[in-house]
């Protein structure tokens, strides 16, 4: 425990944000806040993608099957779309999966944006 106290770091995010804010106008601040506002987790059923639907990776053509509102069957395992995307891309960090998949020829990111519109 003593070691953890020695290496504890201060969160300077608010101070850095204040410094950055000094150099931008109010409309730019508002636009930034809109962008970082958390949007909902994707829900296939809310996005009008039914259970049993086939999703296709634009990166390698692999397919996944929707098994419930948030999960898919990918490579014979229950998975999230994010995990499947990481496996296809060969990365360990999370990425937004929707730009990497299509449903009935339409990008999942477009379907997501239509379903979860950002309101002003």
Protein backbone atom coordinates (compact mmCIF):
# COMPACT_ATOMS: atom_id res chain seq x y z
CA UNK A 1 0.00 0.00 0.00
CA UNK A 2 2.86 2.37 0.83
CA UNK A 3 4.27 1.85 -2.66
CA UNK A 4 0.95 2.81 -4.24
CA UNK A 5 0.89 6.06 -2.28
CA UNK A 6 4.39 6.87 -3.51
CA UNK A 7 3.48 6.48 -7.16
CA UNK A 8 0.04 8.13 -6.97
CA UNK A 9 -0.39 10.78 -9.63
CA UNK A 10 -2.59 13.82 -9.57
CA UNK A 11 -5.35 14.01 -12.17
CA UNK A 12 -4.52 17.17 -14.11
CA UNK A 13 -7.29 16.79 -16.69
CA UNK A 14 -9.34 19.74 -15.37
CA UNK A 15 -6.29 22.04 -15.38
CA UNK A 16 -5.32 21.06 -18.92
CA UNK A 17 -8.91 21.47 -20.10
CA UNK A 18 -8.96 24.99 -18.59
CA UNK A 19 -5.73 25.89 -20.41
CA UNK A 20 -7.09 24.62 -23.71
CA UNK A 21 -10.39 26.45 -23.16
CA UNK A 22 -8.55 29.78 -22.87
CA UNK A 23 -7.67 29.60 -26.56
CA UNK A 24 -11.06 28.74 -28.07
CA UNK A 25 -14.36 30.57 -28.50
CA UNK A 26 -17.67 29.59 -26.91
CA UNK A 27 -19.11 27.91 -30.03
CA UNK A 28 -16.03 25.69 -30.30
CA UNK A 29 -16.34 24.78 -26.61
CA UNK A 30 -19.98 23.86 -27.16
CA UNK A 31 -19.10 21.74 -30.22
CA UNK A 32 -16.43 19.90 -28.24
CA UNK A 33 -18.84 19.21 -25.39
CA UNK A 34 -21.38 17.82 -27.88
CA UNK A 35 -18.76 15.48 -29.33
CA UNK A 36 -17.61 14.08 -25.99
CA UNK A 37 -21.10 13.65 -24.56
CA UNK A 38 -21.54 9.92 -24.10
CA UNK A 39 -23.84 8.35 -26.62
CA UNK A 40 -25.80 5.18 -25.85
CA UNK A 41 -24.33 1.72 -26.20
CA UNK A 42 -25.52 0.15 -29.40
CA UNK A 43 -28.61 -2.00 -29.16
CA UNK A 44 -29.33 -4.08 -32.24
CA UNK A 45 -33.06 -4.20 -31.58
CA UNK A 46 -33.31 -0.41 -31.12
CA UNK A 47 -31.35 -0.07 -34.37
CA UNK A 48 -33.97 -2.25 -36.11
CA UNK A 49 -31.48 -5.11 -36.58
CA UNK A 50 -33.31 -8.32 -35.68
CA UNK A 51 -32.02 -11.36 -33.83
CA UNK A 52 -30.61 -13.73 -36.43
CA UNK A 53 -29.42 -10.88 -38.68
CA UNK A 54 -26.07 -11.24 -40.41
CA UNK A 55 -23.42 -8.53 -39.98
CA UNK A 56 -20.47 -8.41 -42.37
CA UNK A 57 -16.99 -7.06 -41.57
CA UNK A 58 -15.75 -4.55 -44.14
CA UNK A 59 -12.19 -5.37 -43.08
CA UNK A 60 -12.12 -9.03 -44.07
CA UNK A 61 -15.63 -10.15 -45.01
CA UNK A 62 -16.18 -12.30 -41.92
CA UNK A 63 -19.74 -12.57 -40.71
CA UNK A 64 -21.38 -12.41 -37.30
CA UNK A 65 -24.93 -13.28 -36.29
CA UNK A 66 -26.97 -11.15 -33.89
CA UNK A 67 -28.05 -13.33 -30.93
CA UNK A 68 -29.63 -10.71 -28.65
CA UNK A 69 -29.84 -6.95 -28.32
CA UNK A 70 -26.12 -6.53 -27.53
CA UNK A 71 -24.33 -9.79 -28.43
CA UNK A 72 -23.30 -11.61 -31.56
CA UNK A 73 -22.12 -15.07 -32.50
CA UNK A 74 -18.66 -14.68 -34.01
CA UNK A 75 -16.25 -17.49 -34.81
CA UNK A 76 -18.60 -19.88 -32.99
CA UNK A 77 -18.40 -17.86 -29.74
CA UNK A 78 -20.74 -15.39 -28.07
CA UNK A 79 -19.09 -12.01 -28.30
CA UNK A 80 -19.60 -8.27 -28.41
CA UNK A 81 -19.18 -6.39 -31.66
CA UNK A 82 -16.25 -4.51 -30.11
CA UNK A 83 -14.44 -7.74 -29.22
CA UNK A 84 -15.03 -9.19 -32.69
CA UNK A 85 -13.68 -6.00 -34.25
CA UNK A 86 -10.54 -6.17 -32.09
CA UNK A 87 -10.00 -9.78 -33.15
CA UNK A 88 -10.37 -8.96 -36.84
CA UNK A 89 -8.05 -5.95 -36.60
CA UNK A 90 -5.55 -7.84 -34.42
CA UNK A 91 -5.53 -5.16 -31.72
CA UNK A 92 -5.89 -5.25 -27.94
CA UNK A 93 -7.47 -1.84 -27.37
CA UNK A 94 -11.13 -1.04 -27.91
CA UNK A 95 -12.31 0.81 -30.98
CA UNK A 96 -15.72 1.92 -32.12
CA UNK A 97 -16.94 -1.17 -33.96
CA UNK A 98 -19.73 0.32 -36.06
CA UNK A 99 -17.50 1.75 -38.84
CA UNK A 100 -16.17 -1.78 -39.43
CA UNK A 101 -19.46 -3.63 -40.01
CA UNK A 102 -22.42 -3.56 -42.37
CA UNK A 103 -25.99 -4.79 -42.13
CA UNK A 104 -27.79 -5.37 -45.43
CA UNK A 105 -25.07 -3.40 -47.20
CA UNK A 106 -25.34 -0.32 -44.94
CA UNK A 107 -22.59 0.73 -42.56
CA UNK A 108 -23.48 0.09 -38.94
CA UNK A 109 -22.14 3.55 -38.07
CA UNK A 110 -24.81 5.10 -40.33
CA UNK A 111 -27.52 2.98 -38.71
CA UNK A 112 -26.22 3.93 -35.25
CA UNK A 113 -26.18 7.65 -36.10
CA UNK A 114 -29.74 7.46 -37.45
CA UNK A 115 -30.94 5.65 -34.32
CA UNK A 116 -29.08 7.72 -31.72
CA UNK A 117 -29.15 11.23 -33.11
CA UNK A 118 -27.27 13.92 -31.20
CA UNK A 119 -29.71 16.58 -30.05
CA UNK A 120 -28.70 20.21 -29.62
